[in-house]
Amino acid sequence: MEHKLISAATVRDLCGGVSDMTLWRWLNDRDMNFPEPVYIQKRRYWRETELDAWIDAQVPDRKSA
């Protein structure tokens, strides 16, 4: 399994162009279940698979609509 890490800038783009402050709020809101970043020399990266799963969980099931 590939463990691709993506930068905070990429995460913000994938989440609709949200701000860094929004990422901070999501990380500090335990009810959001936003994936925790991996820190490499003070830079934040996210596991792409975890972020994809979180995004998928935010989208309502289209079959039930």
C-alpha atoms as a PDB file:
ATOM      1  CA  MET A   1       0.000   0.000   0.000  1.00  0.00           C
ATOM      2  CA  GLU A   2       1.309   3.425  -0.951  1.00  0.00           C
ATOM      3  CA  HIS A   3       1.636   5.977   1.865  1.00  0.00           C
ATOM      4  CA  LYS A   4       1.579   9.266  -0.009  1.00  0.00           C
ATOM      5  CA  LEU A   5       1.881  12.404   2.110  1.00  0.00           C
ATOM      6  CA  ILE A   6       0.344  15.665   0.947  1.00  0.00           C
ATOM      7  CA  SER A   7       1.119  19.190   2.106  1.00  0.00           C
ATOM      8  CA  ALA A   8      -1.183  21.554   3.983  1.00  0.00           C
ATOM      9  CA  ALA A   9      -1.591  23.665   0.841  1.00  0.00           C
ATOM     10  CA  THR A  10      -2.810  20.624  -1.088  1.00  0.00           C
ATOM     11  CA  VAL A  11      -5.152  19.669   1.759  1.00  0.00           C
ATOM     12  CA  ARG A  12      -6.656  23.163   1.727  1.00  0.00           C
ATOM     13  CA  ASP A  13      -7.213  22.922  -2.041  1.00  0.00           C
ATOM     14  CA  LEU A  14      -8.789  19.461  -1.795  1.00  0.00           C
ATOM     15  CA  CYS A  15     -11.160  20.731   0.898  1.00  0.00           C
ATOM     16  CA  GLY A  16     -12.487  23.503  -1.312  1.00  0.00           C
ATOM     17  CA  GLY A  17      -9.860  26.174  -0.848  1.00  0.00           C
ATOM     18  CA  VAL A  18     -10.276  26.539   2.909  1.00  0.00           C
ATOM     19  CA  SER A  19      -7.898  28.714   4.913  1.00  0.00           C
ATOM     20  CA  ASP A  20      -5.145  27.570   7.232  1.00  0.00           C
ATOM     21  CA  MET A  21      -7.271  28.850  10.136  1.00  0.00           C
ATOM     22  CA  THR A  22     -10.092  26.540   9.035  1.00  0.00           C
ATOM     23  CA  LEU A  23      -7.676  23.590   9.096  1.00  0.00           C
ATOM     24  CA  TRP A  24      -6.633  24.614  12.592  1.00  0.00           C
ATOM     25  CA  ARG A  25     -10.280  24.766  13.712  1.00  0.00           C
ATOM     26  CA  TRP A  26     -11.030  21.356  12.203  1.00  0.00           C
ATOM     27  CA  LEU A  27      -8.010  19.843  13.937  1.00  0.00           C
ATOM     28  CA  ASN A  28      -9.130  21.279  17.280  1.00  0.00           C
ATOM     29  CA  ASP A  29     -12.775  20.203  16.896  1.00  0.00           C
ATOM     30  CA  ARG A  30     -12.830  16.537  17.981  1.00  0.00           C
ATOM     31  CA  ASP A  31     -16.370  16.126  16.577  1.00  0.00           C
ATOM     32  CA  MET A  32     -15.025  16.744  13.053  1.00  0.00           C
ATOM     33  CA  ASN A  33     -12.730  13.683  13.190  1.00  0.00           C
ATOM     34  CA  PHE A  34     -10.354  15.483  10.845  1.00  0.00           C
ATOM     35  CA  PRO A  35      -7.216  13.398  10.218  1.00  0.00           C
ATOM     36  CA  GLU A  36      -4.160  14.290  12.300  1.00  0.00           C
ATOM     37  CA  PRO A  37      -1.145  15.559  10.372  1.00  0.00           C
ATOM     38  CA  VAL A  38       2.305  14.025  10.352  1.00  0.00           C
ATOM     39  CA  TYR A  39       5.009  16.531  11.285  1.00  0.00           C
ATOM     40  CA  ILE A  40       8.314  16.485   9.447  1.00  0.00           C
ATOM     41  CA  GLN A  41      10.681  19.253  10.532  1.00  0.00           C
ATOM     42  CA  LYS A  42       7.801  21.478  11.694  1.00  0.00           C
ATOM     43  CA  ARG A  43       5.893  21.041   8.438  1.00  0.00           C
ATOM     44  CA  ARG A  44       2.493  19.376   8.353  1.00  0.00           C
ATOM     45  CA  TYR A  45       1.614  16.587   5.964  1.00  0.00           C
ATOM     46  CA  TRP A  46      -1.442  14.390   5.766  1.00  0.00           C
ATOM     47  CA  ARG A  47      -1.768  10.800   4.610  1.00  0.00           C
ATOM     48  CA  GLU A  48      -3.689  11.000   1.359  1.00  0.00           C
ATOM     49  CA  THR A  49      -5.685   7.845   2.109  1.00  0.00           C
ATOM     50  CA  GLU A  50      -6.879   9.211   5.480  1.00  0.00           C
ATOM     51  CA  LEU A  51      -7.890  12.533   3.961  1.00  0.00           C
ATOM     52  CA  ASP A  52      -9.745  10.821   1.092  1.00  0.00           C
ATOM     53  CA  ALA A  53     -11.660   8.673   3.596  1.00  0.00           C
ATOM     54  CA  TRP A  54     -12.570  11.750   5.665  1.00  0.00           C
ATOM     55  CA  ILE A  55     -13.795  13.628   2.586  1.00  0.00           C
ATOM     56  CA  ASP A  56     -15.867  10.609   1.499  1.00  0.00           C
ATOM     57  CA  ALA A  57     -17.446  10.453   4.964  1.00  0.00           C
ATOM     58  CA  GLN A  58     -18.539  14.113   4.652  1.00  0.00           C
ATOM     59  CA  VAL A  59     -20.512  13.490   1.463  1.00  0.00           C
ATOM     60  CA  PRO A  60     -24.053  12.261   2.084  1.00  0.00           C
ATOM     61  CA  ASP A  61     -24.980   8.931   0.551  1.00  0.00           C
ATOM     62  CA  ARG A  62     -26.511   9.753  -2.829  1.00  0.00           C
ATOM     63  CA  LYS A  63     -28.555   6.556  -2.917  1.00  0.00           C
ATOM     64  CA  SER A  64     -30.668   7.685   0.033  1.00  0.00           C
ATOM     65  CA  ALA A  65     -31.443  11.084  -1.509  1.00  0.00           C
END
